[in-house]
């Protein structure tokens, strides 16, 4: 009777371990929404720093705040998990 308990515990822990390994593999292959957003913001801010970032009208962006707004907007469009803009009251 004692051997049955031990083997049952062993099989459960093996199952749990295999499930965790499977989960870890899946998580490693799929890029999270936040990392997509970070990458997009980093790319846009580098463009701003180099002076290559342009607004929708085609003019160069001089303001850091405007560059951040463009970066967040592009990140939202790419599917990143970024909260929507706050509305003015």
PDB file of N, CA and C in Angstrom:
ATOM      1  N   UNK A   1       0.822  -1.192   0.000  1.00  0.00           N
ATOM      2  CA  UNK A   1       0.000   0.000   0.000  1.00  0.00           C
ATOM      3  C   UNK A   1       0.867   1.257   0.000  1.00  0.00           C
ATOM      4  N   UNK A   2       1.959   1.212   0.679  1.00  0.00           N
ATOM      5  CA  UNK A   2       2.828   2.365   0.732  1.00  0.00           C
ATOM      6  C   UNK A   2       3.482   2.622  -0.628  1.00  0.00           C
ATOM      7  N   UNK A   3       3.827   1.591  -1.359  1.00  0.00           N
ATOM      8  CA  UNK A   3       4.431   1.731  -2.675  1.00  0.00           C
ATOM      9  C   UNK A   3       3.475   2.415  -3.647  1.00  0.00           C
ATOM     10  N   UNK A   4       2.191   2.136  -3.514  1.00  0.00           N
ATOM     11  CA  UNK A   4       1.191   2.748  -4.391  1.00  0.00           C
ATOM     12  C   UNK A   4       1.151   4.262  -4.200  1.00  0.00           C
ATOM     13  N   UNK A   5       1.202   4.682  -2.927  1.00  0.00           N
ATOM     14  CA  UNK A   5       1.203   6.111  -2.654  1.00  0.00           C
ATOM     15  C   UNK A   5       2.423   6.783  -3.272  1.00  0.00           C
ATOM     16  N   UNK A   6       3.577   6.158  -3.075  1.00  0.00           N
ATOM     17  CA  UNK A   6       4.813   6.731  -3.587  1.00  0.00           C
ATOM     18  C   UNK A   6       4.808   6.819  -5.100  1.00  0.00           C
ATOM     19  N   UNK A   7       4.337   5.776  -5.778  1.00  0.00           N
ATOM     20  CA  UNK A   7       4.336   5.787  -7.240  1.00  0.00           C
ATOM     21  C   UNK A   7       3.317   6.787  -7.778  1.00  0.00           C
ATOM     22  N   UNK A   8       2.187   6.922  -7.075  1.00  0.00           N
ATOM     23  CA  UNK A   8       1.185   7.901  -7.511  1.00  0.00           C
ATOM     24  C   UNK A   8       1.754   9.310  -7.391  1.00  0.00           C
ATOM     25  N   UNK A   9       2.452   9.557  -6.303  1.00  0.00           N
ATOM     26  CA  UNK A   9       3.059  10.872  -6.091  1.00  0.00           C
ATOM     27  C   UNK A   9       4.126  11.139  -7.158  1.00  0.00           C
ATOM     28  N   UNK A  10       4.882  10.087  -7.467  1.00  0.00           N
ATOM     29  CA  UNK A  10       5.929  10.222  -8.468  1.00  0.00           C
ATOM     30  C   UNK A  10       5.343  10.567  -9.832  1.00  0.00           C
ATOM     31  N   UNK A  11       4.245   9.895 -10.206  1.00  0.00           N
ATOM     32  CA  UNK A  11       3.656  10.159 -11.518  1.00  0.00           C
ATOM     33  C   UNK A  11       3.042  11.557 -11.579  1.00  0.00           C
ATOM     34  N   UNK A  12       2.477  12.020 -10.474  1.00  0.00           N
ATOM     35  CA  UNK A  12       1.891  13.360 -10.450  1.00  0.00           C
ATOM     36  C   UNK A  12       2.989  14.404 -10.584  1.00  0.00           C
ATOM     37  N   UNK A  13       4.072  14.219  -9.858  1.00  0.00           N
ATOM     38  CA  UNK A  13       5.142  15.209  -9.933  1.00  0.00           C
ATOM     39  C   UNK A  13       5.788  15.201 -11.316  1.00  0.00           C
ATOM     40  N   UNK A  14       5.892  14.024 -11.949  1.00  0.00           N
ATOM     41  CA  UNK A  14       6.446  13.958 -13.297  1.00  0.00           C
ATOM     42  C   UNK A  14       5.532  14.708 -14.268  1.00  0.00           C
ATOM     43  N   UNK A  15       4.216  14.519 -14.109  1.00  0.00           N
ATOM     44  CA  UNK A  15       3.252  15.224 -14.954  1.00  0.00           C
ATOM     45  C   UNK A  15       3.365  16.731 -14.765  1.00  0.00           C
ATOM     46  N   UNK A  16       3.476  17.159 -13.511  1.00  0.00           N
ATOM     47  CA  UNK A  16       3.601  18.586 -13.216  1.00  0.00           C
ATOM     48  C   UNK A  16       4.865  19.155 -13.836  1.00  0.00           C
ATOM     49  N   UNK A  17       5.950  18.392 -13.747  1.00  0.00           N
ATOM     50  CA  UNK A  17       7.218  18.840 -14.317  1.00  0.00           C
ATOM     51  C   UNK A  17       7.128  18.952 -15.833  1.00  0.00           C
ATOM     52  N   UNK A  18       6.520  17.954 -16.487  1.00  0.00           N
ATOM     53  CA  UNK A  18       6.375  17.986 -17.941  1.00  0.00           C
ATOM     54  C   UNK A  18       5.483  19.149 -18.371  1.00  0.00           C
ATOM     55  N   UNK A  19       4.432  19.411 -17.602  1.00  0.00           N
ATOM     56  CA  UNK A  19       3.539  20.529 -17.924  1.00  0.00           C
ATOM     57  C   UNK A  19       4.278  21.850 -17.816  1.00  0.00           C
ATOM     58  N   UNK A  20       5.088  21.989 -16.767  1.00  0.00           N
ATOM     59  CA  UNK A  20       5.836  23.229 -16.583  1.00  0.00           C
ATOM     60  C   UNK A  20       6.849  23.424 -17.709  1.00  0.00           C
ATOM     61  N   UNK A  21       7.522  22.351 -18.102  1.00  0.00           N
ATOM     62  CA  UNK A  21       8.488  22.458 -19.197  1.00  0.00           C
ATOM     63  C   UNK A  21       7.784  22.857 -20.488  1.00  0.00           C
ATOM     64  N   UNK A  22       6.622  22.280 -20.720  1.00  0.00           N
ATOM     65  CA  UNK A  22       5.859  22.620 -21.922  1.00  0.00           C
ATOM     66  C   UNK A  22       5.449  24.090 -21.892  1.00  0.00           C
ATOM     67  N   UNK A  23       5.018  24.557 -20.722  1.00  0.00           N
ATOM     68  CA  UNK A  23       4.620  25.959 -20.585  1.00  0.00           C
ATOM     69  C   UNK A  23       5.799  26.876 -20.833  1.00  0.00           C
ATOM     70  N   UNK A  24       6.961  26.534 -20.267  1.00  0.00           N
ATOM     71  CA  UNK A  24       8.144  27.366 -20.434  1.00  0.00           C
ATOM     72  C   UNK A  24       8.542  27.447 -21.905  1.00  0.00           C
ATOM     73  N   UNK A  25       8.450  26.340 -22.632  1.00  0.00           N
ATOM     74  CA  UNK A  25       8.775  26.342 -24.057  1.00  0.00           C
ATOM     75  C   UNK A  25       7.835  27.260 -24.819  1.00  0.00           C
ATOM     76  N   UNK A  26       6.554  27.202 -24.483  1.00  0.00           N
ATOM     77  CA  UNK A  26       5.567  28.029 -25.174  1.00  0.00           C
ATOM     78  C   UNK A  26       5.803  29.505 -24.878  1.00  0.00           C
ATOM     79  N   UNK A  27       6.117  29.816 -23.635  1.00  0.00           N
ATOM     80  CA  UNK A  27       6.319  31.205 -23.240  1.00  0.00           C
ATOM     81  C   UNK A  27       7.557  31.781 -23.920  1.00  0.00           C
ATOM     82  N   UNK A  28       8.568  30.962 -24.133  1.00  0.00           N
ATOM     83  CA  UNK A  28       9.800  31.463 -24.716  1.00  0.00           C
ATOM     84  C   UNK A  28       9.631  31.798 -26.196  1.00  0.00           C
ATOM     85  N   UNK A  29       8.742  31.110 -26.886  1.00  0.00           N
ATOM     86  CA  UNK A  29       8.603  31.337 -28.313  1.00  0.00           C
ATOM     87  C   UNK A  29       7.690  32.519 -28.617  1.00  0.00           C
ATOM     88  N   UNK A  30       6.738  32.792 -27.764  1.00  0.00           N
ATOM     89  CA  UNK A  30       5.786  33.870 -28.024  1.00  0.00           C
ATOM     90  C   UNK A  30       6.248  35.148 -27.341  1.00  0.00           C
ATOM     91  N   UNK A  31       6.302  36.235 -28.093  1.00  0.00           N
ATOM     92  CA  UNK A  31       6.721  37.516 -27.543  1.00  0.00           C
ATOM     93  C   UNK A  31       5.536  38.158 -26.832  1.00  0.00           C
ATOM     94  N   UNK A  32       5.752  38.641 -25.632  1.00  0.00           N
ATOM     95  CA  UNK A  32       4.661  39.247 -24.883  1.00  0.00           C
ATOM     96  C   UNK A  32       4.340  40.633 -25.440  1.00  0.00           C
ATOM     97  N   UNK A  33       3.141  41.094 -25.142  1.00  0.00           N
ATOM     98  CA  UNK A  33       2.699  42.395 -25.646  1.00  0.00           C
ATOM     99  C   UNK A  33       3.551  43.519 -25.077  1.00  0.00           C
ATOM    100  N   UNK A  34       3.955  43.380 -23.824  1.00  0.00           N
ATOM    101  CA  UNK A  34       4.751  44.454 -23.218  1.00  0.00           C
ATOM    102  C   UNK A  34       6.140  44.542 -23.852  1.00  0.00           C
ATOM    103  N   UNK A  35       6.723  43.395 -24.213  1.00  0.00           N
ATOM    104  CA  UNK A  35       8.047  43.465 -24.840  1.00  0.00           C
ATOM    105  C   UNK A  35       7.948  44.035 -26.253  1.00  0.00           C
ATOM    106  N   UNK A  36       6.824  43.772 -26.937  1.00  0.00           N
ATOM    107  CA  UNK A  36       6.612  44.384 -28.251  1.00  0.00           C
ATOM    108  C   UNK A  36       6.538  45.900 -28.108  1.00  0.00           C
ATOM    109  N   UNK A  37       5.812  46.342 -27.087  1.00  0.00           N
ATOM    110  CA  UNK A  37       5.666  47.770 -26.846  1.00  0.00           C
ATOM    111  C   UNK A  37       6.982  48.436 -26.504  1.00  0.00           C
ATOM    112  N   UNK A  38       7.772  47.764 -25.659  1.00  0.00           N
ATOM    113  CA  UNK A  38       9.073  48.325 -25.277  1.00  0.00           C
ATOM    114  C   UNK A  38       9.983  48.459 -26.483  1.00  0.00           C
ATOM    115  N   UNK A  39       9.974  47.445 -27.333  1.00  0.00           N
ATOM    116  CA  UNK A  39      10.833  47.479 -28.521  1.00  0.00           C
ATOM    117  C   UNK A  39      10.423  48.612 -29.453  1.00  0.00           C
ATOM    118  N   UNK A  40       9.117  48.800 -29.628  1.00  0.00           N
ATOM    119  CA  UNK A  40       8.620  49.849 -30.518  1.00  0.00           C
ATOM    120  C   UNK A  40       8.972  51.227 -29.959  1.00  0.00           C
ATOM    121  N   UNK A  41       8.777  51.424 -28.659  1.00  0.00           N
ATOM    122  CA  UNK A  41       9.083  52.715 -28.034  1.00  0.00           C
ATOM    123  C   UNK A  41      10.581  52.991 -28.138  1.00  0.00           C
ATOM    124  N   UNK A  42      11.402  51.971 -27.881  1.00  0.00           N
ATOM    125  CA  UNK A  42      12.854  52.139 -27.970  1.00  0.00           C
ATOM    126  C   UNK A  42      13.253  52.567 -29.382  1.00  0.00           C
ATOM    127  N   UNK A  43      12.662  51.928 -30.395  1.00  0.00           N
ATOM    128  CA  UNK A  43      12.994  52.226 -31.791  1.00  0.00           C
ATOM    129  C   UNK A  43      12.628  53.672 -32.143  1.00  0.00           C
ATOM    130  N   UNK A  44      11.427  54.090 -31.761  1.00  0.00           N
ATOM    131  CA  UNK A  44      10.976  55.447 -32.083  1.00  0.00           C
ATOM    132  C   UNK A  44      11.804  56.494 -31.347  1.00  0.00           C
ATOM    133  N   UNK A  45      12.145  56.229 -30.088  1.00  0.00           N
ATOM    134  CA  UNK A  45      12.927  57.202 -29.333  1.00  0.00           C
ATOM    135  C   UNK A  45      14.350  57.310 -29.881  1.00  0.00           C
ATOM    136  N   UNK A  46      14.895  56.208 -30.397  1.00  0.00           N
ATOM    137  CA  UNK A  46      16.210  56.279 -31.045  1.00  0.00           C
ATOM    138  C   UNK A  46      16.141  57.129 -32.315  1.00  0.00           C
ATOM    139  N   UNK A  47      15.050  56.978 -33.077  1.00  0.00           N
ATOM    140  CA  UNK A  47      14.859  57.809 -34.276  1.00  0.00           C
ATOM    141  C   UNK A  47      14.816  59.280 -33.889  1.00  0.00           C
ATOM    142  N   UNK A  48      14.108  59.587 -32.791  1.00  0.00           N
ATOM    143  CA  UNK A  48      14.004  60.980 -32.335  1.00  0.00           C
ATOM    144  C   UNK A  48      15.381  61.512 -31.949  1.00  0.00           C
ATOM    145  N   UNK A  49      16.142  60.672 -31.235  1.00  0.00           N
ATOM    146  CA  UNK A  49      17.466  61.084 -30.777  1.00  0.00           C
ATOM    147  C   UNK A  49      18.394  61.363 -31.962  1.00  0.00           C
ATOM    148  N   UNK A  50      18.242  60.571 -33.033  1.00  0.00           N
ATOM    149  CA  UNK A  50      19.068  60.761 -34.229  1.00  0.00           C
ATOM    150  C   UNK A  50      18.548  61.885 -35.126  1.00  0.00           C
ATOM    151  N   UNK A  51      17.352  62.402 -34.831  1.00  0.00           N
ATOM    152  CA  UNK A  51      16.767  63.477 -35.628  1.00  0.00           C
ATOM    153  C   UNK A  51      16.065  62.988 -36.881  1.00  0.00           C
ATOM    154  N   UNK A  52      15.703  61.701 -36.919  1.00  0.00           N
ATOM    155  CA  UNK A  52      15.059  61.134 -38.106  1.00  0.00           C
ATOM    156  C   UNK A  52      13.558  60.933 -37.944  1.00  0.00           C
ATOM    157  N   UNK A  53      13.025  61.180 -36.754  1.00  0.00           N
ATOM    158  CA  UNK A  53      11.602  60.966 -36.503  1.00  0.00           C
ATOM    159  C   UNK A  53      10.785  62.092 -37.105  1.00  0.00           C
ATOM    160  N   UNK A  54       9.753  61.709 -37.859  1.00  0.00           N
ATOM    161  CA  UNK A  54       8.881  62.702 -38.492  1.00  0.00           C
ATOM    162  C   UNK A  54       7.451  62.465 -38.061  1.00  0.00           C
ATOM    163  N   UNK A  55       6.685  63.540 -37.992  1.00  0.00           N
ATOM    164  CA  UNK A  55       5.280  63.440 -37.626  1.00  0.00           C
ATOM    165  C   UNK A  55       4.468  63.053 -38.864  1.00  0.00           C
ATOM    166  N   UNK A  56       3.177  62.961 -38.699  1.00  0.00           N
ATOM    167  CA  UNK A  56       2.301  62.574 -39.804  1.00  0.00           C
ATOM    168  C   UNK A  56       2.340  63.560 -40.962  1.00  0.00           C
ATOM    169  N   UNK A  57       2.598  64.827 -40.673  1.00  0.00           N
ATOM    170  CA  UNK A  57       2.645  65.837 -41.732  1.00  0.00           C
ATOM    171  C   UNK A  57       3.979  65.830 -42.472  1.00  0.00           C
ATOM    172  N   UNK A  58       4.959  65.069 -41.967  1.00  0.00           N
ATOM    173  CA  UNK A  58       6.255  64.990 -42.631  1.00  0.00           C
ATOM    174  C   UNK A  58       7.327  65.880 -42.041  1.00  0.00           C
ATOM    175  N   UNK A  59       6.956  66.702 -41.050  1.00  0.00           N
ATOM    176  CA  UNK A  59       7.934  67.573 -40.407  1.00  0.00           C
ATOM    177  C   UNK A  59       8.699  66.807 -39.326  1.00  0.00           C
ATOM    178  N   UNK A  60       9.937  67.220 -39.083  1.00  0.00           N
ATOM    179  CA  UNK A  60      10.727  66.589 -38.042  1.00  0.00           C
ATOM    180  C   UNK A  60      10.145  66.896 -36.671  1.00  0.00           C
ATOM    181  N   UNK A  61      10.197  65.911 -35.789  1.00  0.00           N
ATOM    182  CA  UNK A  61       9.689  66.080 -34.432  1.00  0.00           C
ATOM    183  C   UNK A  61      10.815  66.643 -33.576  1.00  0.00           C
ATOM    184  N   UNK A  62      10.573  67.797 -32.943  1.00  0.00           N
ATOM    185  CA  UNK A  62      11.584  68.440 -32.119  1.00  0.00           C
ATOM    186  C   UNK A  62      11.317  68.207 -30.638  1.00  0.00           C
ATOM    187  N   UNK A  63      10.064  67.993 -30.283  1.00  0.00           N
ATOM    188  CA  UNK A  63       9.682  67.863 -28.886  1.00  0.00           C
ATOM    189  C   UNK A  63       9.795  66.414 -28.406  1.00  0.00           C
ATOM    190  N   UNK A  64      10.408  66.231 -27.238  1.00  0.00           N
ATOM    191  CA  UNK A  64      10.525  64.898 -26.648  1.00  0.00           C
ATOM    192  C   UNK A  64       9.150  64.346 -26.289  1.00  0.00           C
ATOM    193  N   UNK A  65       8.250  65.217 -25.805  1.00  0.00           N
ATOM    194  CA  UNK A  65       6.898  64.784 -25.450  1.00  0.00           C
ATOM    195  C   UNK A  65       6.138  64.282 -26.668  1.00  0.00           C
ATOM    196  N   UNK A  66       6.311  64.959 -27.791  1.00  0.00           N
ATOM    197  CA  UNK A  66       5.648  64.534 -29.018  1.00  0.00           C
ATOM    198  C   UNK A  66       6.219  63.187 -29.483  1.00  0.00           C
ATOM    199  N   UNK A  67       7.519  62.992 -29.298  1.00  0.00           N
ATOM    200  CA  UNK A  67       8.148  61.728 -29.670  1.00  0.00           C
ATOM    201  C   UNK A  67       7.596  60.579 -28.825  1.00  0.00           C
ATOM    202  N   UNK A  68       7.401  60.816 -27.534  1.00  0.00           N
ATOM    203  CA  UNK A  68       6.824  59.795 -26.654  1.00  0.00           C
ATOM    204  C   UNK A  68       5.398  59.475 -27.086  1.00  0.00           C
ATOM    205  N   UNK A  69       4.622  60.498 -27.440  1.00  0.00           N
ATOM    206  CA  UNK A  69       3.245  60.288 -27.880  1.00  0.00           C
ATOM    207  C   UNK A  69       3.204  59.443 -29.154  1.00  0.00           C
ATOM    208  N   UNK A  70       4.092  59.718 -30.081  1.00  0.00           N
ATOM    209  CA  UNK A  70       4.160  58.946 -31.332  1.00  0.00           C
ATOM    210  C   UNK A  70       4.565  57.509 -31.026  1.00  0.00           C
ATOM    211  N   UNK A  71       5.529  57.324 -30.131  1.00  0.00           N
ATOM    212  CA  UNK A  71       6.004  55.983 -29.777  1.00  0.00           C
ATOM    213  C   UNK A  71       4.889  55.150 -29.159  1.00  0.00           C
ATOM    214  N   UNK A  72       4.149  55.727 -28.223  1.00  0.00           N
ATOM    215  CA  UNK A  72       3.061  54.994 -27.586  1.00  0.00           C
ATOM    216  C   UNK A  72       1.939  54.686 -28.569  1.00  0.00           C
ATOM    217  N   UNK A  73       1.661  55.614 -29.449  1.00  0.00           N
ATOM    218  CA  UNK A  73       0.630  55.402 -30.453  1.00  0.00           C
ATOM    219  C   UNK A  73       0.995  54.251 -31.386  1.00  0.00           C
ATOM    220  N   UNK A  74       2.242  54.225 -31.850  1.00  0.00           N
ATOM    221  CA  UNK A  74       2.689  53.148 -32.735  1.00  0.00           C
ATOM    222  C   UNK A  74       2.707  51.811 -32.005  1.00  0.00           C
ATOM    223  N   UNK A  75       3.073  51.832 -30.724  1.00  0.00           N
ATOM    224  CA  UNK A  75       3.097  50.599 -29.947  1.00  0.00           C
ATOM    225  C   UNK A  75       1.683  50.040 -29.781  1.00  0.00           C
ATOM    226  N   UNK A  76       0.701  50.924 -29.556  1.00  0.00           N
ATOM    227  CA  UNK A  76      -0.695  50.482 -29.445  1.00  0.00           C
ATOM    228  C   UNK A  76      -1.161  49.850 -30.746  1.00  0.00           C
ATOM    229  N   UNK A  77      -0.791  50.459 -31.866  1.00  0.00           N
ATOM    230  CA  UNK A  77      -1.195  49.927 -33.175  1.00  0.00           C
ATOM    231  C   UNK A  77      -0.589  48.553 -33.438  1.00  0.00           C
ATOM    232  N   UNK A  78       0.608  48.300 -32.892  1.00  0.00           N
ATOM    233  CA  UNK A  78       1.265  47.016 -33.114  1.00  0.00           C
ATOM    234  C   UNK A  78       0.736  45.926 -32.182  1.00  0.00           C
ATOM    235  N   UNK A  79      -0.188  46.279 -31.294  1.00  0.00           N
ATOM    236  CA  UNK A  79      -0.812  45.278 -30.430  1.00  0.00           C
ATOM    237  C   UNK A  79      -0.232  45.202 -29.037  1.00  0.00           C
ATOM    238  N   UNK A  80       0.563  46.171 -28.641  1.00  0.00           N
ATOM    239  CA  UNK A  80       1.145  46.162 -27.301  1.00  0.00           C
ATOM    240  C   UNK A  80       0.072  46.470 -26.269  1.00  0.00           C
ATOM    241  N   UNK A  81       0.290  45.977 -25.073  1.00  0.00           N
ATOM    242  CA  UNK A  81      -0.674  46.154 -23.992  1.00  0.00           C
ATOM    243  C   UNK A  81      -0.381  47.464 -23.267  1.00  0.00           C
ATOM    244  N   UNK A  82      -0.778  48.574 -23.885  1.00  0.00           N
ATOM    245  CA  UNK A  82      -0.558  49.902 -23.329  1.00  0.00           C
ATOM    246  C   UNK A  82      -1.918  50.543 -23.097  1.00  0.00           C
ATOM    247  N   UNK A  83      -2.150  51.110 -21.922  1.00  0.00           N
ATOM    248  CA  UNK A  83      -3.453  51.704 -21.643  1.00  0.00           C
ATOM    249  C   UNK A  83      -3.794  52.828 -22.613  1.00  0.00           C
ATOM    250  N   UNK A  84      -5.069  53.033 -22.903  1.00  0.00           N
ATOM    251  CA  UNK A  84      -5.448  54.111 -23.832  1.00  0.00           C
ATOM    252  C   UNK A  84      -5.132  55.491 -23.261  1.00  0.00           C
ATOM    253  N   UNK A  85      -5.115  56.479 -24.160  1.00  0.00           N
ATOM    254  CA  UNK A  85      -4.839  57.857 -23.747  1.00  0.00           C
ATOM    255  C   UNK A  85      -5.919  58.320 -22.784  1.00  0.00           C
ATOM    256  N   UNK A  86      -5.515  59.168 -21.830  1.00  0.00           N
ATOM    257  CA  UNK A  86      -6.487  59.736 -20.907  1.00  0.00           C
ATOM    258  C   UNK A  86      -7.231  60.858 -21.619  1.00  0.00           C
ATOM    259  N   UNK A  87      -8.524  60.913 -21.414  1.00  0.00           N
ATOM    260  CA  UNK A  87      -9.337  61.944 -22.058  1.00  0.00           C
ATOM    261  C   UNK A  87      -9.367  63.186 -21.193  1.00  0.00           C
ATOM    262  N   UNK A  88      -9.351  64.331 -21.840  1.00  0.00           N
ATOM    263  CA  UNK A  88      -9.443  65.594 -21.105  1.00  0.00           C
ATOM    264  C   UNK A  88     -10.876  65.799 -20.668  1.00  0.00           C
ATOM    265  N   UNK A  89     -11.043  66.321 -19.469  1.00  0.00           N
ATOM    266  CA  UNK A  89     -12.409  66.533 -18.968  1.00  0.00           C
ATOM    267  C   UNK A  89     -12.873  67.951 -19.139  1.00  0.00           C
TER     268      UNK A  89
END
